[in-house]
Amino acid sequence: MSEIPERIEREMFEIRSRMAPDVQDLRQHVNPKVVSKQVSTKIRDRIRGTVTRAGRSLLDSARRQANAFGEVRRKGDPSALTDAVKSDPRPLILLAIALAATLMAARKISNGREG
C-alpha cells in the first residue's frame, strides 16, 4: 500500500517533467510582446496587400482610360472615353487632384518670389 503513493508521486513527477517544455512554449506564445508583434505584422501585411491590389486596380483603370483616349484620337468619337471614365472615375479624380496640387504649389512659389 505504501508503494502506491510513491508510484503516484513518481508518475506525477514524470508528467510534470514532460509538460515543462510545453508550458514554457505556451508561455512564449501568449507573451503580450510576442502577441502584439504578431498582430502588428499581420496588420502590416494585410494593409500592404490591400494597397498593392488597389494600386494594380488603379493602374489597370488608368491604362483602359489611356487606351480609350487613344481610340478617341484615332476615331474622333469620345464615347469610348466617357464610358471608361463613367465605369471607373478614380484615375481622372487623381489626375484632377494632382493638377490642383501642382497649381497650388506653383502659385505659392510664385507668390513667394514677388514678395
N, C-alpha and C. Protein backbone atom coordinates (compact mmCIF):
# COMPACT_ATOMS: atom_id res chain seq x y z
N MET A 1 0.81 -1.20 0.00
CA MET A 1 0.00 0.00 0.00
C MET A 1 0.85 1.25 0.00
N SER A 2 2.01 1.18 0.65
CA SER A 2 2.87 2.35 0.72
C SER A 2 3.52 2.66 -0.62
N GLU A 3 3.58 1.69 -1.50
CA GLU A 3 4.19 1.95 -2.80
C GLU A 3 3.25 2.70 -3.73
N ILE A 4 1.96 2.68 -3.49
CA ILE A 4 1.01 3.37 -4.36
C ILE A 4 1.22 4.89 -4.31
N PRO A 5 1.32 5.53 -3.15
CA PRO A 5 1.58 6.98 -3.14
C PRO A 5 2.92 7.32 -3.79
N GLU A 6 3.94 6.49 -3.56
CA GLU A 6 5.24 6.74 -4.19
C GLU A 6 5.15 6.62 -5.71
N ARG A 7 4.42 5.63 -6.16
CA ARG A 7 4.24 5.44 -7.60
C ARG A 7 3.47 6.62 -8.20
N ILE A 8 2.44 7.06 -7.52
CA ILE A 8 1.66 8.21 -8.00
C ILE A 8 2.53 9.46 -8.04
N GLU A 9 3.33 9.68 -7.00
CA GLU A 9 4.23 10.84 -6.99
C GLU A 9 5.25 10.76 -8.12
N ARG A 10 5.79 9.57 -8.35
CA ARG A 10 6.76 9.38 -9.42
C ARG A 10 6.11 9.65 -10.79
N GLU A 11 4.91 9.15 -10.99
CA GLU A 11 4.19 9.40 -12.25
C GLU A 11 3.89 10.88 -12.42
N MET A 12 3.49 11.53 -11.33
CA MET A 12 3.22 12.97 -11.42
C MET A 12 4.50 13.74 -11.75
N PHE A 13 5.62 13.32 -11.16
CA PHE A 13 6.89 13.97 -11.46
C PHE A 13 7.25 13.79 -12.93
N GLU A 14 7.06 12.58 -13.46
CA GLU A 14 7.35 12.32 -14.87
C GLU A 14 6.45 13.14 -15.78
N ILE A 15 5.18 13.23 -15.42
CA ILE A 15 4.25 14.02 -16.23
C ILE A 15 4.65 15.49 -16.20
N ARG A 16 4.99 16.01 -15.02
CA ARG A 16 5.41 17.42 -14.92
C ARG A 16 6.67 17.67 -15.73
N SER A 17 7.62 16.75 -15.65
CA SER A 17 8.87 16.95 -16.39
C SER A 17 8.63 16.91 -17.89
N ARG A 18 7.68 16.09 -18.36
CA ARG A 18 7.36 16.07 -19.80
C ARG A 18 6.59 17.32 -20.22
N MET A 19 5.80 17.87 -19.30
CA MET A 19 5.00 19.04 -19.62
C MET A 19 5.78 20.34 -19.55
N ALA A 20 6.89 20.36 -18.87
CA ALA A 20 7.64 21.60 -18.66
C ALA A 20 7.98 22.30 -19.97
N PRO A 21 8.52 21.61 -20.99
CA PRO A 21 8.80 22.32 -22.24
C PRO A 21 7.54 22.86 -22.91
N ASP A 22 6.44 22.10 -22.82
CA ASP A 22 5.19 22.56 -23.43
C ASP A 22 4.66 23.81 -22.74
N VAL A 23 4.75 23.84 -21.42
CA VAL A 23 4.28 25.00 -20.67
C VAL A 23 5.17 26.21 -20.99
N GLN A 24 6.46 25.99 -21.09
CA GLN A 24 7.38 27.07 -21.43
C GLN A 24 7.08 27.61 -22.82
N ASP A 25 6.81 26.70 -23.76
CA ASP A 25 6.47 27.10 -25.12
C ASP A 25 5.15 27.87 -25.14
N LEU A 26 4.20 27.42 -24.36
CA LEU A 26 2.92 28.11 -24.27
C LEU A 26 3.10 29.51 -23.69
N ARG A 27 3.94 29.65 -22.69
CA ARG A 27 4.21 30.98 -22.11
C ARG A 27 4.79 31.92 -23.16
N GLN A 28 5.67 31.39 -23.99
CA GLN A 28 6.27 32.24 -25.02
C GLN A 28 5.23 32.67 -26.05
N HIS A 29 4.29 31.79 -26.38
CA HIS A 29 3.27 32.13 -27.37
C HIS A 29 2.23 33.11 -26.86
N VAL A 30 1.98 33.15 -25.58
CA VAL A 30 0.99 34.08 -25.04
C VAL A 30 1.62 35.31 -24.42
N ASN A 31 2.91 35.45 -24.57
CA ASN A 31 3.60 36.64 -24.08
C ASN A 31 3.03 37.87 -24.80
N PRO A 32 2.61 38.90 -24.08
CA PRO A 32 2.00 40.07 -24.73
C PRO A 32 2.88 40.71 -25.80
N LYS A 33 4.19 40.73 -25.58
CA LYS A 33 5.08 41.32 -26.59
C LYS A 33 5.06 40.51 -27.87
N VAL A 34 5.08 39.19 -27.74
CA VAL A 34 5.06 38.32 -28.91
C VAL A 34 3.72 38.45 -29.64
N VAL A 35 2.64 38.45 -28.89
CA VAL A 35 1.31 38.56 -29.49
C VAL A 35 1.16 39.90 -30.21
N SER A 36 1.58 40.99 -29.58
CA SER A 36 1.45 42.30 -30.22
C SER A 36 2.32 42.39 -31.47
N LYS A 37 3.49 41.78 -31.44
CA LYS A 37 4.34 41.79 -32.63
C LYS A 37 3.69 40.99 -33.77
N GLN A 38 3.10 39.84 -33.44
CA GLN A 38 2.43 39.04 -34.46
C GLN A 38 1.24 39.79 -35.05
N VAL A 39 0.47 40.44 -34.19
CA VAL A 39 -0.70 41.18 -34.66
C VAL A 39 -0.27 42.35 -35.54
N SER A 40 0.75 43.09 -35.12
CA SER A 40 1.19 44.22 -35.93
C SER A 40 1.76 43.75 -37.27
N THR A 41 2.44 42.62 -37.29
CA THR A 41 2.97 42.09 -38.54
C THR A 41 1.83 41.69 -39.47
N LYS A 42 0.81 41.03 -38.94
CA LYS A 42 -0.33 40.63 -39.76
C LYS A 42 -1.07 41.84 -40.30
N ILE A 43 -1.27 42.85 -39.47
CA ILE A 43 -1.96 44.06 -39.92
C ILE A 43 -1.16 44.75 -41.01
N ARG A 44 0.16 44.85 -40.81
CA ARG A 44 1.02 45.48 -41.80
C ARG A 44 0.96 44.73 -43.13
N ASP A 45 1.00 43.40 -43.07
CA ASP A 45 0.94 42.59 -44.29
C ASP A 45 -0.40 42.76 -45.01
N ARG A 46 -1.48 42.80 -44.24
CA ARG A 46 -2.79 42.97 -44.88
C ARG A 46 -2.94 44.35 -45.50
N ILE A 47 -2.46 45.37 -44.82
CA ILE A 47 -2.53 46.72 -45.38
C ILE A 47 -1.70 46.80 -46.65
N ARG A 48 -0.49 46.22 -46.60
CA ARG A 48 0.37 46.22 -47.77
C ARG A 48 -0.31 45.51 -48.94
N GLY A 49 -0.94 44.38 -48.67
CA GLY A 49 -1.65 43.64 -49.72
C GLY A 49 -2.81 44.43 -50.29
N THR A 50 -3.55 45.09 -49.41
CA THR A 50 -4.69 45.90 -49.86
C THR A 50 -4.23 47.07 -50.73
N VAL A 51 -3.17 47.73 -50.30
CA VAL A 51 -2.65 48.87 -51.08
C VAL A 51 -2.13 48.39 -52.43
N THR A 52 -1.46 47.25 -52.43
CA THR A 52 -0.94 46.71 -53.69
C THR A 52 -2.07 46.38 -54.65
N ARG A 53 -3.12 45.72 -54.14
CA ARG A 53 -4.26 45.38 -55.00
C ARG A 53 -4.95 46.64 -55.51
N ALA A 54 -5.11 47.63 -54.65
CA ALA A 54 -5.76 48.88 -55.06
C ALA A 54 -4.91 49.60 -56.11
N GLY A 55 -3.60 49.58 -55.94
CA GLY A 55 -2.71 50.21 -56.92
C GLY A 55 -2.78 49.52 -58.27
N ARG A 56 -2.80 48.19 -58.26
CA ARG A 56 -2.91 47.46 -59.53
C ARG A 56 -4.23 47.77 -60.22
N SER A 57 -5.30 47.80 -59.44
CA SER A 57 -6.61 48.10 -59.99
C SER A 57 -6.64 49.50 -60.60
N LEU A 58 -6.03 50.44 -59.89
CA LEU A 58 -5.98 51.82 -60.39
C LEU A 58 -5.16 51.91 -61.66
N LEU A 59 -4.04 51.20 -61.70
CA LEU A 59 -3.22 51.21 -62.92
C LEU A 59 -3.96 50.59 -64.10
N ASP A 60 -4.67 49.50 -63.85
CA ASP A 60 -5.45 48.89 -64.92
C ASP A 60 -6.51 49.85 -65.45
N SER A 61 -7.16 50.54 -64.55
CA SER A 61 -8.19 51.50 -64.94
C SER A 61 -7.56 52.66 -65.73
N ALA A 62 -6.41 53.13 -65.28
CA ALA A 62 -5.73 54.22 -65.99
C ALA A 62 -5.32 53.77 -67.39
N ARG A 63 -4.86 52.53 -67.51
CA ARG A 63 -4.50 52.01 -68.85
C ARG A 63 -5.72 51.96 -69.75
N ARG A 64 -6.85 51.50 -69.21
CA ARG A 64 -8.08 51.45 -70.02
C ARG A 64 -8.46 52.85 -70.49
N GLN A 65 -8.35 53.82 -69.58
CA GLN A 65 -8.70 55.19 -69.97
C GLN A 65 -7.72 55.76 -70.98
N ALA A 66 -6.43 55.44 -70.83
CA ALA A 66 -5.45 55.92 -71.80
C ALA A 66 -5.70 55.28 -73.16
N ASN A 67 -6.03 54.00 -73.18
CA ASN A 67 -6.36 53.35 -74.45
C ASN A 67 -7.62 53.95 -75.07
N ALA A 68 -8.61 54.26 -74.23
CA ALA A 68 -9.83 54.89 -74.72
C ALA A 68 -9.53 56.27 -75.28
N PHE A 69 -8.61 57.00 -74.65
CA PHE A 69 -8.22 58.32 -75.16
C PHE A 69 -7.54 58.18 -76.52
N GLY A 70 -6.70 57.15 -76.67
CA GLY A 70 -6.07 56.90 -77.97
C GLY A 70 -7.10 56.56 -79.02
N GLU A 71 -8.13 55.83 -78.64
CA GLU A 71 -9.20 55.49 -79.57
C GLU A 71 -9.97 56.74 -79.98
N VAL A 72 -10.17 57.64 -79.03
CA VAL A 72 -10.85 58.91 -79.34
C VAL A 72 -10.04 59.68 -80.37
N ARG A 73 -8.72 59.72 -80.19
CA ARG A 73 -7.87 60.45 -81.14
C ARG A 73 -7.91 59.82 -82.52
N ARG A 74 -7.95 58.49 -82.58
CA ARG A 74 -7.99 57.81 -83.88
C ARG A 74 -9.34 57.94 -84.56
N LYS A 75 -10.40 57.70 -83.83
CA LYS A 75 -11.74 57.65 -84.42
C LYS A 75 -12.50 58.97 -84.35
N GLY A 76 -12.15 59.81 -83.42
CA GLY A 76 -12.86 61.07 -83.26
C GLY A 76 -14.18 60.93 -82.51
N ASP A 77 -14.44 59.78 -81.93
CA ASP A 77 -15.68 59.54 -81.18
C ASP A 77 -15.37 59.45 -79.69
N PRO A 78 -15.82 60.42 -78.90
CA PRO A 78 -15.46 60.45 -77.47
C PRO A 78 -16.26 59.47 -76.59
N SER A 79 -17.14 58.69 -77.17
CA SER A 79 -18.00 57.82 -76.34
C SER A 79 -17.18 56.75 -75.59
N ALA A 80 -16.11 56.24 -76.19
CA ALA A 80 -15.30 55.22 -75.51
C ALA A 80 -14.63 55.81 -74.26
N LEU A 81 -14.15 57.05 -74.36
CA LEU A 81 -13.52 57.69 -73.21
C LEU A 81 -14.54 58.00 -72.12
N THR A 82 -15.71 58.51 -72.50
CA THR A 82 -16.72 58.81 -71.49
C THR A 82 -17.20 57.53 -70.81
N ASP A 83 -17.32 56.45 -71.56
CA ASP A 83 -17.70 55.17 -70.94
C ASP A 83 -16.63 54.69 -69.97
N ALA A 84 -15.36 54.83 -70.34
CA ALA A 84 -14.26 54.40 -69.46
C ALA A 84 -14.24 55.22 -68.18
N VAL A 85 -14.47 56.53 -68.29
CA VAL A 85 -14.46 57.40 -67.10
C VAL A 85 -15.68 57.13 -66.24
N LYS A 86 -16.83 56.88 -66.86
CA LYS A 86 -18.03 56.57 -66.08
C LYS A 86 -17.89 55.25 -65.33
N SER A 87 -17.25 54.28 -65.94
CA SER A 87 -17.13 52.98 -65.29
C SER A 87 -16.17 53.02 -64.10
N ASP A 88 -15.13 53.85 -64.17
CA ASP A 88 -14.19 53.97 -63.05
C ASP A 88 -13.54 55.36 -63.09
N PRO A 89 -14.07 56.32 -62.33
CA PRO A 89 -13.56 57.69 -62.39
C PRO A 89 -12.30 57.94 -61.56
N ARG A 90 -11.77 56.93 -60.87
CA ARG A 90 -10.63 57.16 -59.97
C ARG A 90 -9.42 57.79 -60.66
N PRO A 91 -8.97 57.29 -61.82
CA PRO A 91 -7.79 57.94 -62.43
C PRO A 91 -8.02 59.41 -62.77
N LEU A 92 -9.20 59.73 -63.25
CA LEU A 92 -9.50 61.13 -63.58
C LEU A 92 -9.53 61.98 -62.31
N ILE A 93 -10.08 61.44 -61.23
CA ILE A 93 -10.12 62.17 -59.96
C ILE A 93 -8.71 62.41 -59.45
N LEU A 94 -7.87 61.37 -59.49
CA LEU A 94 -6.48 61.54 -59.04
C LEU A 94 -5.73 62.53 -59.92
N LEU A 95 -5.99 62.51 -61.21
CA LEU A 95 -5.36 63.48 -62.12
C LEU A 95 -5.79 64.90 -61.75
N ALA A 96 -7.07 65.09 -61.45
CA ALA A 96 -7.56 66.42 -61.06
C ALA A 96 -6.93 66.88 -59.75
N ILE A 97 -6.79 65.96 -58.80
CA ILE A 97 -6.17 66.30 -57.51
C ILE A 97 -4.70 66.66 -57.71
N ALA A 98 -4.00 65.89 -58.52
CA ALA A 98 -2.58 66.17 -58.79
C ALA A 98 -2.42 67.52 -59.49
N LEU A 99 -3.29 67.81 -60.44
CA LEU A 99 -3.24 69.08 -61.15
C LEU A 99 -3.52 70.25 -60.19
N ALA A 100 -4.51 70.08 -59.30
CA ALA A 100 -4.82 71.14 -58.34
C ALA A 100 -3.65 71.36 -57.37
N ALA A 101 -3.04 70.28 -56.91
CA ALA A 101 -1.89 70.40 -56.00
C ALA A 101 -0.72 71.08 -56.70
N THR A 102 -0.50 70.73 -57.95
CA THR A 102 0.59 71.36 -58.72
C THR A 102 0.34 72.85 -58.90
N LEU A 103 -0.89 73.21 -59.25
CA LEU A 103 -1.23 74.63 -59.42
C LEU A 103 -1.10 75.40 -58.11
N MET A 104 -1.52 74.79 -56.99
CA MET A 104 -1.40 75.46 -55.70
C MET A 104 0.07 75.64 -55.32
N ALA A 105 0.90 74.63 -55.59
CA ALA A 105 2.32 74.75 -55.29
C ALA A 105 2.98 75.81 -56.16
N ALA A 106 2.61 75.85 -57.45
CA ALA A 106 3.17 76.85 -58.36
C ALA A 106 2.75 78.26 -57.92
N ARG A 107 1.51 78.39 -57.48
CA ARG A 107 1.04 79.70 -57.03
C ARG A 107 1.78 80.14 -55.76
N LYS A 108 1.98 79.19 -54.86
CA LYS A 108 2.69 79.51 -53.61
C LYS A 108 4.15 79.91 -53.91
N ILE A 109 4.77 79.22 -54.84
CA ILE A 109 6.15 79.55 -55.21
C ILE A 109 6.21 80.92 -55.88
N SER A 110 5.28 81.17 -56.79
CA SER A 110 5.30 82.46 -57.49
C SER A 110 4.97 83.62 -56.55
N ASN A 111 4.11 83.40 -55.56
CA ASN A 111 3.81 84.45 -54.58
C ASN A 111 5.01 84.72 -53.69
N GLY A 112 5.81 83.74 -53.42
CA GLY A 112 7.00 83.91 -52.61
C GLY A 112 8.07 84.72 -53.31
N ARG A 113 8.12 84.62 -54.62
CA ARG A 113 9.13 85.38 -55.40
C ARG A 113 8.77 86.85 -55.53
N GLU A 114 7.47 87.14 -55.53
CA GLU A 114 7.04 88.53 -55.70
C GLU A 114 7.31 89.36 -54.47
N GLY A 115 7.21 88.72 -53.28
CA GLY A 115 7.30 89.46 -52.02
C GLY A 115 8.68 89.67 -51.64
